[in-house]
Amino acid sequence: MGQISPALRAALCRGGSYQGARPVKARNRFLLWDGDEIERLAQGQAIEGEAA
């Protein structure tokens, strides 16, 4: 992703995920996102386990 938009950052702070995609914090404090989940979000598909 490169940079995090303000809307995505706000969703992470409020709920810990963004539309069902939950990042993992790396040792260098960067957020690591599952590429498959991000690809599904970009295509408009739902993430498994996401509350509807």
PDB file of N, CA and C in Angstrom:
ATOM      1  N   MET A   1       0.810  -1.185   0.000  1.00  0.00           N
ATOM      2  CA  MET A   1       0.000   0.000   0.000  1.00  0.00           C
ATOM      3  C   MET A   1       0.859   1.256   0.000  1.00  0.00           C
ATOM      4  N   GLY A   2       1.996   1.229   0.640  1.00  0.00           N
ATOM      5  CA  GLY A   2       2.847   2.408   0.661  1.00  0.00           C
ATOM      6  C   GLY A   2       2.466   3.375   1.758  1.00  0.00           C
ATOM      7  N   GLN A   3       1.389   4.114   1.584  1.00  0.00           N
ATOM      8  CA  GLN A   3       0.926   5.079   2.572  1.00  0.00           C
ATOM      9  C   GLN A   3      -0.485   4.720   2.999  1.00  0.00           C
ATOM     10  N   ILE A   4      -0.814   5.095   4.237  1.00  0.00           N
ATOM     11  CA  ILE A   4      -2.150   4.816   4.758  1.00  0.00           C
ATOM     12  C   ILE A   4      -2.985   6.085   4.677  1.00  0.00           C
ATOM     13  N   SER A   5      -4.169   5.980   4.086  1.00  0.00           N
ATOM     14  CA  SER A   5      -5.062   7.126   3.992  1.00  0.00           C
ATOM     15  C   SER A   5      -5.651   7.435   5.368  1.00  0.00           C
ATOM     16  N   PRO A   6      -6.089   8.665   5.595  1.00  0.00           N
ATOM     17  CA  PRO A   6      -6.692   9.014   6.892  1.00  0.00           C
ATOM     18  C   PRO A   6      -7.915   8.156   7.232  1.00  0.00           C
ATOM     19  N   ALA A   7      -8.727   7.796   6.245  1.00  0.00           N
ATOM     20  CA  ALA A   7      -9.917   6.976   6.513  1.00  0.00           C
ATOM     21  C   ALA A   7      -9.517   5.577   6.970  1.00  0.00           C
ATOM     22  N   LEU A   8      -8.510   5.006   6.331  1.00  0.00           N
ATOM     23  CA  LEU A   8      -8.052   3.671   6.705  1.00  0.00           C
ATOM     24  C   LEU A   8      -7.429   3.708   8.100  1.00  0.00           C
ATOM     25  N   ARG A   9      -6.632   4.724   8.382  1.00  0.00           N
ATOM     26  CA  ARG A   9      -6.011   4.855   9.704  1.00  0.00           C
ATOM     27  C   ARG A   9      -7.076   5.018  10.787  1.00  0.00           C
ATOM     28  N   ALA A  10      -8.120   5.809  10.525  1.00  0.00           N
ATOM     29  CA  ALA A  10      -9.190   6.006  11.497  1.00  0.00           C
ATOM     30  C   ALA A  10      -9.923   4.691  11.766  1.00  0.00           C
ATOM     31  N   ALA A  11     -10.195   3.922  10.713  1.00  0.00           N
ATOM     32  CA  ALA A  11     -10.882   2.638  10.888  1.00  0.00           C
ATOM     33  C   ALA A  11     -10.029   1.677  11.708  1.00  0.00           C
ATOM     34  N   LEU A  12      -8.714   1.678  11.477  1.00  0.00           N
ATOM     35  CA  LEU A  12      -7.812   0.814  12.253  1.00  0.00           C
ATOM     36  C   LEU A  12      -7.808   1.212  13.724  1.00  0.00           C
ATOM     37  N   CYS A  13      -7.773   2.513  13.991  1.00  0.00           N
ATOM     38  CA  CYS A  13      -7.749   2.981  15.374  1.00  0.00           C
ATOM     39  C   CYS A  13      -9.052   2.666  16.098  1.00  0.00           C
ATOM     40  N   ARG A  14     -10.171   2.774  15.395  1.00  0.00           N
ATOM     41  CA  ARG A  14     -11.482   2.545  16.025  1.00  0.00           C
ATOM     42  C   ARG A  14     -11.811   1.076  16.197  1.00  0.00           C
ATOM     43  N   GLY A  15     -11.528   0.263  15.181  1.00  0.00           N
ATOM     44  CA  GLY A  15     -11.971  -1.121  15.237  1.00  0.00           C
ATOM     45  C   GLY A  15     -10.900  -2.179  15.088  1.00  0.00           C
ATOM     46  N   GLY A  16      -9.676  -1.779  14.782  1.00  0.00           N
ATOM     47  CA  GLY A  16      -8.597  -2.749  14.656  1.00  0.00           C
ATOM     48  C   GLY A  16      -8.520  -3.430  13.307  1.00  0.00           C
ATOM     49  N   SER A  17      -9.397  -3.065  12.375  1.00  0.00           N
ATOM     50  CA  SER A  17      -9.364  -3.651  11.038  1.00  0.00           C
ATOM     51  C   SER A  17      -9.978  -2.656  10.059  1.00  0.00           C
ATOM     52  N   TYR A  18      -9.798  -2.947   8.779  1.00  0.00           N
ATOM     53  CA  TYR A  18     -10.406  -2.119   7.738  1.00  0.00           C
ATOM     54  C   TYR A  18     -11.215  -3.025   6.836  1.00  0.00           C
ATOM     55  N   GLN A  19     -12.524  -2.948   6.926  1.00  0.00           N
ATOM     56  CA  GLN A  19     -13.452  -3.768   6.148  1.00  0.00           C
ATOM     57  C   GLN A  19     -13.087  -5.248   6.217  1.00  0.00           C
ATOM     58  N   GLY A  20     -12.696  -5.700   7.405  1.00  0.00           N
ATOM     59  CA  GLY A  20     -12.387  -7.106   7.622  1.00  0.00           C
ATOM     60  C   GLY A  20     -10.931  -7.463   7.460  1.00  0.00           C
ATOM     61  N   ALA A  21     -10.139  -6.613   6.837  1.00  0.00           N
ATOM     62  CA  ALA A  21      -8.704  -6.866   6.667  1.00  0.00           C
ATOM     63  C   ALA A  21      -7.985  -6.370   7.917  1.00  0.00           C
ATOM     64  N   ARG A  22      -7.235  -7.258   8.558  1.00  0.00           N
ATOM     65  CA  ARG A  22      -6.545  -6.923   9.797  1.00  0.00           C
ATOM     66  C   ARG A  22      -5.038  -7.044   9.578  1.00  0.00           C
ATOM     67  N   PRO A  23      -4.305  -5.931   9.731  1.00  0.00           N
ATOM     68  CA  PRO A  23      -2.860  -5.985   9.528  1.00  0.00           C
ATOM     69  C   PRO A  23      -2.140  -6.572  10.738  1.00  0.00           C
ATOM     70  N   VAL A  24      -0.888  -6.973  10.525  1.00  0.00           N
ATOM     71  CA  VAL A  24      -0.017  -7.454  11.596  1.00  0.00           C
ATOM     72  C   VAL A  24       1.107  -6.441  11.729  1.00  0.00           C
ATOM     73  N   LYS A  25       1.423  -6.052  12.956  1.00  0.00           N
ATOM     74  CA  LYS A  25       2.493  -5.090  13.164  1.00  0.00           C
ATOM     75  C   LYS A  25       3.837  -5.812  13.129  1.00  0.00           C
ATOM     76  N   ALA A  26       4.722  -5.355  12.248  1.00  0.00           N
ATOM     77  CA  ALA A  26       6.051  -5.944  12.114  1.00  0.00           C
ATOM     78  C   ALA A  26       6.965  -5.399  13.215  1.00  0.00           C
ATOM     79  N   ARG A  27       8.135  -5.996  13.356  1.00  0.00           N
ATOM     80  CA  ARG A  27       9.087  -5.564  14.382  1.00  0.00           C
ATOM     81  C   ARG A  27       9.548  -4.128  14.157  1.00  0.00           C
ATOM     82  N   ASN A  28       9.523  -3.661  12.908  1.00  0.00           N
ATOM     83  CA  ASN A  28       9.943  -2.300  12.600  1.00  0.00           C
ATOM     84  C   ASN A  28       8.782  -1.309  12.675  1.00  0.00           C
ATOM     85  N   ARG A  29       7.655  -1.726  13.247  1.00  0.00           N
ATOM     86  CA  ARG A  29       6.441  -0.928  13.472  1.00  0.00           C
ATOM     87  C   ARG A  29       5.629  -0.675  12.218  1.00  0.00           C
ATOM     88  N   PHE A  30       6.024  -1.226  11.085  1.00  0.00           N
ATOM     89  CA  PHE A  30       5.205  -1.128   9.882  1.00  0.00           C
ATOM     90  C   PHE A  30       4.054  -2.110   9.979  1.00  0.00           C
ATOM     91  N   LEU A  31       2.976  -1.839   9.267  1.00  0.00           N
ATOM     92  CA  LEU A  31       1.843  -2.747   9.232  1.00  0.00           C
ATOM     93  C   LEU A  31       1.966  -3.636   8.007  1.00  0.00           C
ATOM     94  N   LEU A  32       1.834  -4.936   8.211  1.00  0.00           N
ATOM     95  CA  LEU A  32       1.891  -5.907   7.122  1.00  0.00           C
ATOM     96  C   LEU A  32       0.475  -6.373   6.823  1.00  0.00           C
ATOM     97  N   TRP A  33       0.072  -6.230   5.570  1.00  0.00           N
ATOM     98  CA  TRP A  33      -1.273  -6.598   5.139  1.00  0.00           C
ATOM     99  C   TRP A  33      -1.217  -7.864   4.313  1.00  0.00           C
ATOM    100  N   ASP A  34      -2.229  -8.713   4.433  1.00  0.00           N
ATOM    101  CA  ASP A  34      -2.343  -9.909   3.606  1.00  0.00           C
ATOM    102  C   ASP A  34      -2.697  -9.471   2.185  1.00  0.00           C
ATOM    103  N   GLY A  35      -1.826  -9.779   1.254  1.00  0.00           N
ATOM    104  CA  GLY A  35      -2.026  -9.352  -0.132  1.00  0.00           C
ATOM    105  C   GLY A  35      -3.311  -9.869  -0.745  1.00  0.00           C
ATOM    106  N   ASP A  36      -3.705 -11.097  -0.404  1.00  0.00           N
ATOM    107  CA  ASP A  36      -4.943 -11.668  -0.944  1.00  0.00           C
ATOM    108  C   ASP A  36      -6.165 -10.889  -0.457  1.00  0.00           C
ATOM    109  N   GLU A  37      -6.155 -10.512   0.828  1.00  0.00           N
ATOM    110  CA  GLU A  37      -7.281  -9.743   1.376  1.00  0.00           C
ATOM    111  C   GLU A  37      -7.376  -8.376   0.706  1.00  0.00           C
ATOM    112  N   ILE A  38      -6.255  -7.722   0.508  1.00  0.00           N
ATOM    113  CA  ILE A  38      -6.249  -6.402  -0.116  1.00  0.00           C
ATOM    114  C   ILE A  38      -6.717  -6.503  -1.566  1.00  0.00           C
ATOM    115  N   GLU A  39      -6.304  -7.549  -2.255  1.00  0.00           N
ATOM    116  CA  GLU A  39      -6.736  -7.751  -3.640  1.00  0.00           C
ATOM    117  C   GLU A  39      -8.253  -7.938  -3.712  1.00  0.00           C
ATOM    118  N   ARG A  40      -8.813  -8.732  -2.770  1.00  0.00           N
ATOM    119  CA  ARG A  40     -10.270  -8.931  -2.738  1.00  0.00           C
ATOM    120  C   ARG A  40     -10.999  -7.630  -2.444  1.00  0.00           C
ATOM    121  N   LEU A  41     -10.467  -6.817  -1.525  1.00  0.00           N
ATOM    122  CA  LEU A  41     -11.091  -5.521  -1.239  1.00  0.00           C
ATOM    123  C   LEU A  41     -11.064  -4.623  -2.469  1.00  0.00           C
ATOM    124  N   ALA A  42      -9.952  -4.633  -3.196  1.00  0.00           N
ATOM    125  CA  ALA A  42      -9.825  -3.798  -4.387  1.00  0.00           C
ATOM    126  C   ALA A  42     -10.825  -4.223  -5.472  1.00  0.00           C
ATOM    127  N   GLN A  43     -11.162  -5.501  -5.492  1.00  0.00           N
ATOM    128  CA  GLN A  43     -12.125  -6.016  -6.465  1.00  0.00           C
ATOM    129  C   GLN A  43     -13.566  -5.891  -5.979  1.00  0.00           C
ATOM    130  N   GLY A  44     -13.750  -5.399  -4.749  1.00  0.00           N
ATOM    131  CA  GLY A  44     -15.092  -5.207  -4.207  1.00  0.00           C
ATOM    132  C   GLY A  44     -15.681  -6.434  -3.558  1.00  0.00           C
ATOM    133  N   GLN A  45     -14.861  -7.448  -3.282  1.00  0.00           N
ATOM    134  CA  GLN A  45     -15.353  -8.675  -2.650  1.00  0.00           C
ATOM    135  C   GLN A  45     -15.239  -8.548  -1.131  1.00  0.00           C
ATOM    136  N   ALA A  46     -16.071  -9.298  -0.427  1.00  0.00           N
ATOM    137  CA  ALA A  46     -16.058  -9.283   1.044  1.00  0.00           C
ATOM    138  C   ALA A  46     -14.918 -10.148   1.561  1.00  0.00           C
ATOM    139  N   ILE A  47     -14.437  -9.805   2.746  1.00  0.00           N
ATOM    140  CA  ILE A  47     -13.404 -10.565   3.427  1.00  0.00           C
ATOM    141  C   ILE A  47     -14.092 -11.596   4.325  1.00  0.00           C
ATOM    142  N   GLU A  48     -13.584 -12.828   4.333  1.00  0.00           N
ATOM    143  CA  GLU A  48     -14.165 -13.883   5.179  1.00  0.00           C
ATOM    144  C   GLU A  48     -14.051 -13.471   6.644  1.00  0.00           C
ATOM    145  N   GLY A  49     -15.119 -13.713   7.405  1.00  0.00           N
ATOM    146  CA  GLY A  49     -15.139 -13.394   8.816  1.00  0.00           C
ATOM    147  C   GLY A  49     -15.529 -11.959   9.114  1.00  0.00           C
ATOM    148  N   GLU A  50     -15.771 -11.170   8.080  1.00  0.00           N
ATOM    149  CA  GLU A  50     -16.161  -9.777   8.258  1.00  0.00           C
ATOM    150  C   GLU A  50     -17.623  -9.733   8.716  1.00  0.00           C
ATOM    151  N   ALA A  51     -17.888  -8.906   9.702  1.00  0.00           N
ATOM    152  CA  ALA A  51     -19.271  -8.737  10.167  1.00  0.00           C
ATOM    153  C   ALA A  51     -20.065  -8.002   9.096  1.00  0.00           C
ATOM    154  N   ALA A  52     -21.199  -8.552   8.730  1.00  0.00           N
ATOM    155  CA  ALA A  52     -21.986  -7.961   7.643  1.00  0.00           C
ATOM    156  C   ALA A  52     -22.824  -6.832   8.063  1.00  0.00           C
TER     157      ALA A  52
END
